Amino acid sequence: MKILIVEDEPKTGDYLRQGLSEAGFVVDLAQDGTDGLHLALQGEYDLVILDVMLPGLDGWQVLQSLRHRGLQMPVLFLTARDQVEDRVKGLELGADDYLVKPFSFAELLARVRTILRRGRSGNESTVLRVADLELDLLRRRVSRGGRRISLTAKEFGLLELLMRRHGEVLPRSLIASQVWDMNFDSDTNVIEVAIRRLRAKIDEGHEVKLIHTVRGMGYVLEAPEER
């Protein structure tokens, strides 16, 4: 699989190139929008990871040029622009995903693999649902039974992971690497605390509990009828 990174910040670009290369991808790096567009038009890439704020052409212009030329290779925006309006614009222009900096490399890698598994057809829903729990990835909103729930960024990331893999028991080590981008330390209780706080917000006041502890194994989000 061949990936093009268009990123003008040298440290970020080198970090991405090294990490994705070690994950088994063939990676090219462009440091401005003009070079990025030229490579994308010539290189037959399986995925483009694209910043928005770039010298020369910005990321919006690069994506528009690709789509106007009929090129449908997947594009993942990786940018510090975190407003809802920016995410909406990116997706409306034809991006396949939108990840905000600072980011976890583990999450980036998971999104890259998901996009590549999907291939070039079909679009993944931006809303995750389990029972009466709903998570809107685009607007960063969570609700249960129609009632809005306020979450921190880490709580949102934890819930997104649990919902994307609902019905699957996730060990603490996986949660630590995916949400906190760290190796699991058995002496820390950060995950237990985070699960407890998330459970209080998601399950408290509801007869049906969705977040469950599987003793000695980890945590799972599932509706009772799925158990």
Protein backbone atom coordinates (compact mmCIF):
# COMPACT_ATOMS: atom_id res chain seq x y z
CA MET A 1 0.00 0.00 0.00
CA LYS A 2 1.32 3.43 -1.01
CA ILE A 3 0.61 6.55 1.06
CA LEU A 4 1.35 10.22 0.32
CA ILE A 5 1.80 12.61 3.26
CA VAL A 6 1.43 16.33 2.53
CA GLU A 7 2.71 18.10 5.67
CA ASP A 8 4.82 21.26 5.94
CA GLU A 9 5.98 20.82 9.55
CA PRO A 10 9.22 18.78 9.23
CA LYS A 11 9.06 16.99 12.59
CA THR A 12 5.45 15.92 12.06
CA GLY A 13 6.15 14.82 8.51
CA ASP A 14 9.19 12.75 9.49
CA TYR A 15 7.31 11.25 12.45
CA LEU A 16 4.44 10.18 10.20
CA ARG A 17 6.73 8.83 7.48
CA GLN A 18 8.74 6.76 9.94
CA GLY A 19 5.71 5.41 11.79
CA LEU A 20 3.79 4.45 8.66
CA SER A 21 6.90 2.94 7.06
CA GLU A 22 7.44 0.79 10.16
CA ALA A 23 3.78 -0.27 9.87
CA GLY A 24 4.54 -1.66 6.43
CA PHE A 25 3.45 1.13 4.05
CA VAL A 26 5.39 2.71 1.20
CA VAL A 27 5.42 6.43 2.07
CA ASP A 28 6.21 9.61 0.14
CA LEU A 29 6.34 13.03 1.77
CA ALA A 30 5.64 16.46 0.25
CA GLN A 31 6.13 19.67 2.24
CA ASP A 32 3.85 22.03 0.32
CA GLY A 33 0.54 21.84 -1.49
CA THR A 34 1.93 22.32 -4.98
CA ASP A 35 4.37 19.41 -4.70
CA GLY A 36 1.72 17.36 -2.94
CA LEU A 37 -0.76 17.83 -5.77
CA HIS A 38 1.90 16.99 -8.38
CA LEU A 39 2.83 13.75 -6.60
CA ALA A 40 -0.82 12.82 -6.03
CA LEU A 41 -1.57 13.25 -9.74
CA GLN A 42 1.39 11.08 -10.75
CA GLY A 43 1.86 8.50 -8.01
CA GLU A 44 -1.23 6.25 -7.94
CA TYR A 45 -1.51 6.41 -4.14
CA ASP A 46 -3.86 4.29 -2.05
CA LEU A 47 -4.28 7.13 0.47
CA VAL A 48 -3.33 10.79 0.88
CA ILE A 49 -2.82 12.25 4.38
CA LEU A 50 -3.28 15.98 3.93
CA ASP A 51 -2.74 19.04 6.12
CA VAL A 52 -4.96 22.08 5.53
CA MET A 53 -2.56 24.98 6.18
CA LEU A 54 0.16 24.48 3.56
CA PRO A 55 2.49 26.72 1.56
CA GLY A 56 1.55 27.10 -2.09
CA LEU A 57 -1.82 25.42 -2.42
CA ASP A 58 -3.72 24.78 0.82
CA GLY A 59 -5.26 21.40 1.61
CA TRP A 60 -8.73 22.46 0.48
CA GLN A 61 -7.35 23.42 -2.95
CA VAL A 62 -5.35 20.21 -3.27
CA LEU A 63 -8.42 18.08 -2.55
CA GLN A 64 -10.63 20.12 -4.88
CA SER A 65 -8.09 19.72 -7.68
CA LEU A 66 -7.94 15.96 -7.18
CA ARG A 67 -11.71 15.56 -7.19
CA HIS A 68 -12.20 17.91 -10.16
CA ARG A 69 -9.82 15.69 -12.11
CA GLY A 70 -11.92 12.67 -11.22
CA LEU A 71 -9.33 11.12 -8.88
CA GLN A 72 -11.06 9.29 -6.05
CA MET A 73 -8.13 8.05 -3.95
CA PRO A 74 -9.05 8.30 -0.24
CA VAL A 75 -7.98 11.46 1.59
CA LEU A 76 -7.55 11.86 5.33
CA PHE A 77 -7.22 15.42 6.61
CA LEU A 78 -4.75 15.73 9.50
CA THR A 79 -4.86 19.30 10.75
CA ALA A 80 -4.94 21.62 13.75
CA ARG A 81 -8.16 23.19 12.44
CA ASP A 82 -10.68 21.73 14.86
CA GLN A 83 -13.87 23.70 14.22
CA VAL A 84 -17.02 21.82 13.19
CA GLU A 85 -17.19 24.04 10.11
CA ASP A 86 -13.73 22.87 9.03
CA ARG A 87 -14.65 19.19 9.45
CA VAL A 88 -17.87 19.72 7.51
CA LYS A 89 -16.00 21.54 4.73
CA GLY A 90 -13.38 18.81 4.47
CA LEU A 91 -15.97 16.04 4.23
CA GLU A 92 -18.15 17.99 1.79
CA LEU A 93 -15.12 18.52 -0.48
CA GLY A 94 -14.71 14.76 -0.62
CA ALA A 95 -12.38 13.78 2.24
CA ASP A 96 -12.85 10.31 3.72
CA ASP A 97 -11.87 11.22 7.28
CA TYR A 98 -10.74 14.17 9.39
CA LEU A 99 -8.36 13.90 12.36
CA VAL A 100 -7.41 16.87 14.54
CA LYS A 101 -3.89 17.59 15.84
CA PRO A 102 -2.50 16.83 18.35
CA PHE A 103 -3.24 13.20 17.58
CA SER A 104 -2.45 9.71 18.76
CA PHE A 105 -0.43 7.78 16.18
CA ALA A 106 -2.28 4.62 17.18
CA GLU A 107 -5.58 6.29 16.31
CA LEU A 108 -4.18 7.62 13.03
CA LEU A 109 -2.96 4.14 12.10
CA ALA A 110 -6.34 2.63 12.97
CA ARG A 111 -8.11 5.19 10.78
CA VAL A 112 -5.69 4.62 7.91
CA ARG A 113 -6.30 0.88 8.04
CA THR A 114 -10.07 1.37 8.24
CA ILE A 115 -10.07 3.61 5.17
CA LEU A 116 -7.92 1.18 3.23
CA ARG A 117 -10.14 -1.75 4.21
CA ARG A 118 -13.16 0.14 2.92
CA GLY A 119 -11.42 0.72 -0.37
CA ARG A 120 -12.55 3.40 -2.71
CA SER A 121 -16.27 2.76 -2.58
CA GLY A 122 -18.82 3.48 0.09
CA ASN A 123 -18.73 5.93 2.97
CA GLU A 124 -18.53 5.12 6.64
CA SER A 125 -21.32 6.63 8.70
CA THR A 126 -20.28 9.57 10.85
CA VAL A 127 -22.75 8.50 13.55
CA LEU A 128 -22.20 5.46 15.79
CA ARG A 129 -25.20 3.90 17.55
CA VAL A 130 -25.54 1.19 20.16
CA ALA A 131 -29.03 0.74 21.63
CA ASP A 132 -30.20 4.29 22.52
CA LEU A 133 -26.63 5.65 22.73
CA GLU A 134 -25.53 7.84 19.83
CA LEU A 135 -22.11 9.35 19.06
CA ASP A 136 -21.77 11.93 16.29
CA LEU A 137 -18.16 11.87 15.08
CA LEU A 138 -18.50 15.02 13.00
CA ARG A 139 -20.12 17.28 15.58
CA ARG A 140 -18.40 15.59 18.53
CA ARG A 141 -21.73 15.11 20.29
CA VAL A 142 -22.99 12.24 22.43
CA SER A 143 -26.55 11.56 23.53
CA ARG A 144 -28.46 8.75 25.15
CA GLY A 145 -32.21 8.47 24.89
CA GLY A 146 -32.17 11.88 23.21
CA ARG A 147 -30.39 13.57 26.14
CA ARG A 148 -27.09 15.30 25.39
CA ILE A 149 -24.08 14.13 27.40
CA SER A 150 -21.01 16.31 27.92
CA LEU A 151 -17.69 14.46 27.67
CA THR A 152 -14.04 15.46 27.86
CA ALA A 153 -11.84 14.81 24.82
CA LYS A 154 -10.39 11.63 26.40
CA GLU A 155 -13.83 10.40 27.44
CA PHE A 156 -15.06 10.96 23.89
CA GLY A 157 -12.10 9.03 22.48
CA LEU A 158 -12.66 6.19 24.95
CA LEU A 159 -16.35 5.98 24.13
CA GLU A 160 -15.65 6.08 20.40
CA LEU A 161 -13.25 3.14 20.76
CA LEU A 162 -15.76 1.14 22.80
CA MET A 163 -18.58 1.86 20.33
CA ARG A 164 -16.55 1.12 17.21
CA ARG A 165 -15.71 -2.27 18.69
CA HIS A 166 -18.90 -2.84 20.64
CA GLY A 167 -19.45 -6.39 21.77
CA GLU A 168 -15.69 -6.97 21.88
CA VAL A 169 -13.85 -7.17 25.20
CA LEU A 170 -11.02 -4.62 25.05
CA PRO A 171 -8.03 -5.23 27.32
CA ARG A 172 -6.55 -2.34 29.29
CA SER A 173 -3.37 -2.50 27.21
CA LEU A 174 -5.29 -1.85 23.99
CA ILE A 175 -7.26 1.01 25.53
CA ALA A 176 -4.05 2.56 26.84
CA SER A 177 -2.38 2.47 23.42
CA GLN A 178 -5.42 3.60 21.43
CA VAL A 179 -6.72 6.40 23.66
CA TRP A 180 -3.67 7.51 25.66
CA ASP A 181 -0.99 6.49 23.13
CA MET A 182 1.02 4.88 25.92
CA ASN A 183 2.12 1.46 27.07
CA PHE A 184 -0.04 0.02 29.81
CA ASP A 185 1.42 0.28 33.29
CA SER A 186 -0.27 -2.09 35.72
CA ASP A 187 0.55 0.30 38.57
CA THR A 188 -1.62 3.10 37.19
CA ASN A 189 -5.38 3.29 37.54
CA VAL A 190 -5.94 5.93 34.85
CA ILE A 191 -8.05 3.58 32.74
CA GLU A 192 -10.18 2.40 35.66
CA VAL A 193 -10.83 6.01 36.67
CA ALA A 194 -11.72 6.99 33.11
CA ILE A 195 -14.08 4.03 32.72
CA ARG A 196 -15.74 4.84 36.04
CA ARG A 197 -16.33 8.47 35.04
CA LEU A 198 -17.57 7.50 31.58
CA ARG A 199 -19.90 4.88 33.02
CA ALA A 200 -21.35 7.47 35.41
CA LYS A 201 -22.18 9.73 32.48
CA ILE A 202 -23.44 7.05 30.09
CA ASP A 203 -25.20 4.56 32.35
CA GLU A 204 -26.22 6.47 35.48
CA GLY A 205 -29.99 6.96 35.59
CA HIS A 206 -30.61 4.29 32.94
CA GLU A 207 -32.02 0.87 33.76
CA VAL A 208 -30.09 -0.72 30.89
CA LYS A 209 -26.33 -0.58 31.45
CA LEU A 210 -24.07 -0.55 28.40
CA ILE A 211 -20.50 -0.42 29.77
CA HIS A 212 -19.42 -3.62 31.47
CA THR A 213 -16.30 -4.85 33.24
CA VAL A 214 -15.12 -8.35 32.35
CA ARG A 215 -13.04 -9.28 35.36
CA GLY A 216 -9.44 -10.08 34.53
CA MET A 217 -9.93 -9.24 30.85
CA GLY A 218 -11.03 -5.66 30.28
CA TYR A 219 -14.12 -3.71 29.29
CA VAL A 220 -16.91 -4.07 26.77
CA LEU A 221 -19.77 -1.89 25.55
CA GLU A 222 -22.82 -3.86 24.55
CA ALA A 223 -26.58 -3.92 24.95
CA PRO A 224 -28.06 -6.71 27.13
CA GLU A 225 -29.69 -8.46 24.16
CA GLU A 226 -26.24 -8.85 22.59
CA ARG A 227 -24.78 -10.63 25.61
